[in-house]
């Protein structure tokens, strides 16, 4: 996988975390940069670890599926992309009305970060089947998530959920594009 695809993948993986961060920012009362950075670090670390876990799982299975690994990567990334798009389009329940929070707990952020990184674990599995340095990719995913989540929290009060949903749709489309690119590279190599 080339550098441009790695960057696109990283930002695609961070869009669901960005959408969640926008939601977190909307529920906070005047979030400070330190709150946004704290949230970004928590999400970024989790988002960097989960593709590594997935990659180790996928590496154990790689020798059994080498002949059709590019198809597996294509299908997994496409399904994840479609799920991201579906989730963005699905109507969400209205949030509880009440006084905005000043800060989210570590565990609340960690659970949200893990929930938004499940797709990164699945991507890690699919990356085990192609020529890829998982440590660089996981680091780039973590840094992109840190950046996107920090921005998302700060923009949450201004932008609301409208942008978050659009970002998740875009991320889903990028995942489908990366999967298609991997398939194309292997079929025409």
Protein backbone atom coordinates (compact mmCIF):
# COMPACT_ATOMS: atom_id res chain seq x y z
CA UNK A 1 0.00 0.00 0.00
CA UNK A 2 1.46 3.37 -0.97
CA UNK A 3 1.79 6.47 1.22
CA UNK A 4 -1.24 8.27 -0.27
CA UNK A 5 -3.42 5.22 0.39
CA UNK A 6 -2.09 5.06 3.96
CA UNK A 7 -3.00 8.72 4.56
CA UNK A 8 -6.47 8.25 3.03
CA UNK A 9 -7.01 5.11 5.10
CA UNK A 10 -5.91 6.91 8.26
CA UNK A 11 -8.32 9.78 7.75
CA UNK A 12 -11.10 7.37 6.75
CA UNK A 13 -10.54 5.47 10.00
CA UNK A 14 -10.69 8.72 11.96
CA UNK A 15 -13.97 9.99 10.52
CA UNK A 16 -16.21 7.93 12.77
CA UNK A 17 -14.15 9.10 15.75
CA UNK A 18 -14.49 12.66 14.39
CA UNK A 19 -18.27 12.23 14.21
CA UNK A 20 -18.30 10.98 17.80
CA UNK A 21 -16.04 13.86 18.86
CA UNK A 22 -18.38 16.39 17.28
CA UNK A 23 -21.15 14.82 19.34
CA UNK A 24 -18.99 14.94 22.47
CA UNK A 25 -18.16 18.58 21.78
CA UNK A 26 -21.82 19.42 21.30
CA UNK A 27 -22.64 18.00 24.71
CA UNK A 28 -19.91 19.97 26.48
CA UNK A 29 -20.29 23.51 27.71
CA UNK A 30 -17.59 25.60 26.00
CA UNK A 31 -14.95 22.87 25.61
CA UNK A 32 -11.39 24.03 26.17
CA UNK A 33 -8.49 23.02 23.95
CA UNK A 34 -7.06 20.89 26.78
CA UNK A 35 -10.34 18.91 26.93
CA UNK A 36 -10.29 18.45 23.16
CA UNK A 37 -6.63 17.36 23.18
CA UNK A 38 -7.26 14.91 26.04
CA UNK A 39 -10.12 13.39 24.07
CA UNK A 40 -7.96 13.27 20.94
CA UNK A 41 -5.12 11.49 22.74
CA UNK A 42 -7.45 8.86 24.22
CA UNK A 43 -9.13 8.19 20.88
CA UNK A 44 -5.82 8.29 18.96
CA UNK A 45 -4.06 5.78 21.20
CA UNK A 46 -6.98 3.36 21.04
CA UNK A 47 -7.32 3.83 17.27
CA UNK A 48 -3.58 3.08 16.83
CA UNK A 49 -3.67 -0.08 18.97
CA UNK A 50 -6.70 -1.77 17.41
CA UNK A 51 -5.28 -2.18 13.87
CA UNK A 52 -2.19 -3.78 15.44
CA UNK A 53 -4.40 -6.31 17.23
CA UNK A 54 -6.28 -6.97 14.00
CA UNK A 55 -3.03 -7.29 12.03
CA UNK A 56 -1.67 -9.92 14.45
CA UNK A 57 -4.91 -11.88 14.12
CA UNK A 58 -4.82 -11.56 10.33
CA UNK A 59 -1.13 -12.51 10.14
CA UNK A 60 -1.89 -15.84 11.79
CA UNK A 61 -4.40 -16.56 9.03
CA UNK A 62 -2.45 -15.00 6.11
CA UNK A 63 -0.68 -18.17 4.96
CA UNK A 64 -4.06 -19.85 4.47
CA UNK A 65 -5.54 -17.15 2.25
CA UNK A 66 -2.64 -15.73 0.18
CA UNK A 67 -4.24 -16.58 -3.17
CA UNK A 68 -7.33 -14.47 -2.52
CA UNK A 69 -6.08 -11.99 0.09
CA UNK A 70 -6.71 -8.95 -2.13
CA UNK A 71 -10.34 -10.01 -2.52
CA UNK A 72 -10.64 -10.38 1.25
CA UNK A 73 -9.16 -6.91 1.82
CA UNK A 74 -11.49 -5.46 -0.81
CA UNK A 75 -14.61 -7.11 0.66
CA UNK A 76 -13.74 -6.23 4.28
CA UNK A 77 -12.95 -2.59 3.52
CA UNK A 78 -16.02 -2.26 1.32
CA UNK A 79 -18.31 -3.78 3.95
CA UNK A 80 -16.82 -1.53 6.62
CA UNK A 81 -17.29 1.48 4.34
CA UNK A 82 -20.90 0.55 3.65
CA UNK A 83 -21.55 0.06 7.37
CA UNK A 84 -20.09 3.49 8.11
CA UNK A 85 -22.35 5.03 5.46
CA UNK A 86 -25.39 3.15 6.77
CA UNK A 87 -24.69 4.21 10.34
CA UNK A 88 -24.32 7.82 9.27
CA UNK A 89 -27.63 7.73 7.42
CA UNK A 90 -29.55 5.91 10.15
CA UNK A 91 -31.69 8.11 12.33
CA UNK A 92 -30.24 8.42 15.78
CA UNK A 93 -32.24 8.72 18.97
CA UNK A 94 -32.53 12.20 20.35
CA UNK A 95 -30.07 12.88 23.12
CA UNK A 96 -31.29 13.53 26.60
CA UNK A 97 -32.07 17.16 27.24
CA UNK A 98 -30.27 18.73 30.11
CA UNK A 99 -27.40 20.81 31.27
CA UNK A 100 -24.30 20.47 29.06
CA UNK A 101 -21.33 18.73 30.66
CA UNK A 102 -18.06 20.42 31.40
CA UNK A 103 -15.95 17.28 30.94
CA UNK A 104 -16.40 13.63 29.91
CA UNK A 105 -14.98 10.88 32.11
CA UNK A 106 -11.95 8.90 30.97
CA UNK A 107 -13.99 5.68 30.82
CA UNK A 108 -16.75 7.30 28.79
CA UNK A 109 -14.16 8.53 26.29
CA UNK A 110 -12.27 5.22 26.25
CA UNK A 111 -15.44 3.21 25.60
CA UNK A 112 -16.48 5.59 22.84
CA UNK A 113 -12.96 5.46 21.40
CA UNK A 114 -13.00 1.67 21.41
CA UNK A 115 -16.44 1.53 19.82
CA UNK A 116 -15.30 3.80 16.99
CA UNK A 117 -12.10 1.77 16.51
CA UNK A 118 -13.64 -1.66 15.91
CA UNK A 119 -13.47 -0.93 12.19
CA UNK A 120 -9.75 -0.15 12.56
CA UNK A 121 -9.26 -3.62 14.06
CA UNK A 122 -10.99 -5.17 11.05
CA UNK A 123 -8.85 -3.02 8.74
CA UNK A 124 -5.78 -4.32 10.59
CA UNK A 125 -6.92 -7.86 9.81
CA UNK A 126 -7.24 -6.99 6.12
CA UNK A 127 -3.85 -5.23 6.08
CA UNK A 128 -2.18 -8.46 7.22
CA UNK A 129 -2.96 -9.88 3.78
CA UNK A 130 -1.10 -7.22 1.78
CA UNK A 131 2.41 -5.78 1.71
CA UNK A 132 2.16 -3.12 4.40
CA UNK A 133 4.16 -1.85 7.38
CA UNK A 134 1.45 -2.09 10.05
CA UNK A 135 3.41 -0.05 12.60
CA UNK A 136 3.64 2.95 10.29
CA UNK A 137 0.01 2.56 9.24
CA UNK A 138 -1.20 2.22 12.86
CA UNK A 139 0.84 5.28 13.88
CA UNK A 140 -0.58 7.34 11.02
CA UNK A 141 -4.12 6.20 11.93
CA UNK A 142 -3.52 7.17 15.57
CA UNK A 143 -2.13 10.60 14.66
CA UNK A 144 -4.93 11.29 12.18
CA UNK A 145 -7.48 10.31 14.83
CA UNK A 146 -5.83 12.52 17.45
CA UNK A 147 -5.99 15.45 15.03
CA UNK A 148 -9.55 14.80 13.83
CA UNK A 149 -10.96 14.18 17.31
CA UNK A 150 -9.32 17.28 18.76
CA UNK A 151 -10.76 19.37 15.92
CA UNK A 152 -14.11 17.57 16.23
CA UNK A 153 -14.52 18.40 19.90
CA UNK A 154 -13.65 22.05 19.31
CA UNK A 155 -16.03 22.30 16.36
CA UNK A 156 -18.78 20.32 18.07
CA UNK A 157 -20.52 23.33 19.58
CA UNK A 158 -20.48 25.16 16.26
CA UNK A 159 -21.11 22.45 13.71
CA UNK A 160 -23.36 20.02 15.53
CA UNK A 161 -24.11 16.56 14.22
CA UNK A 162 -24.73 17.63 10.60
CA UNK A 163 -21.04 17.66 9.69
CA UNK A 164 -20.31 14.56 11.74
CA UNK A 165 -22.69 12.47 9.67
CA UNK A 166 -21.26 13.82 6.40
CA UNK A 167 -17.72 13.08 7.58
CA UNK A 168 -18.68 9.50 8.34
CA UNK A 169 -20.26 9.09 4.89
CA UNK A 170 -17.09 10.46 3.28
CA UNK A 171 -14.98 8.09 5.39
CA UNK A 172 -17.08 5.14 4.27
CA UNK A 173 -16.63 6.12 0.63
CA UNK A 174 -12.87 6.43 1.15
CA UNK A 175 -12.71 2.94 2.70
CA UNK A 176 -14.52 1.52 -0.32
CA UNK A 177 -12.09 3.41 -2.56
CA UNK A 178 -9.03 2.07 -0.70
CA UNK A 179 -10.41 -1.48 -0.95
CA UNK A 180 -11.03 -1.03 -4.67
CA UNK A 181 -7.49 0.34 -5.10
CA UNK A 182 -5.99 -2.69 -3.35
CA UNK A 183 -8.01 -5.04 -5.57
CA UNK A 184 -7.03 -3.11 -8.71
CA UNK A 185 -3.30 -3.15 -7.77
CA UNK A 186 -3.30 -6.91 -7.23
CA UNK A 187 -5.33 -7.80 -10.30
CA UNK A 188 -3.18 -5.63 -12.59
CA UNK A 189 0.22 -6.37 -11.07
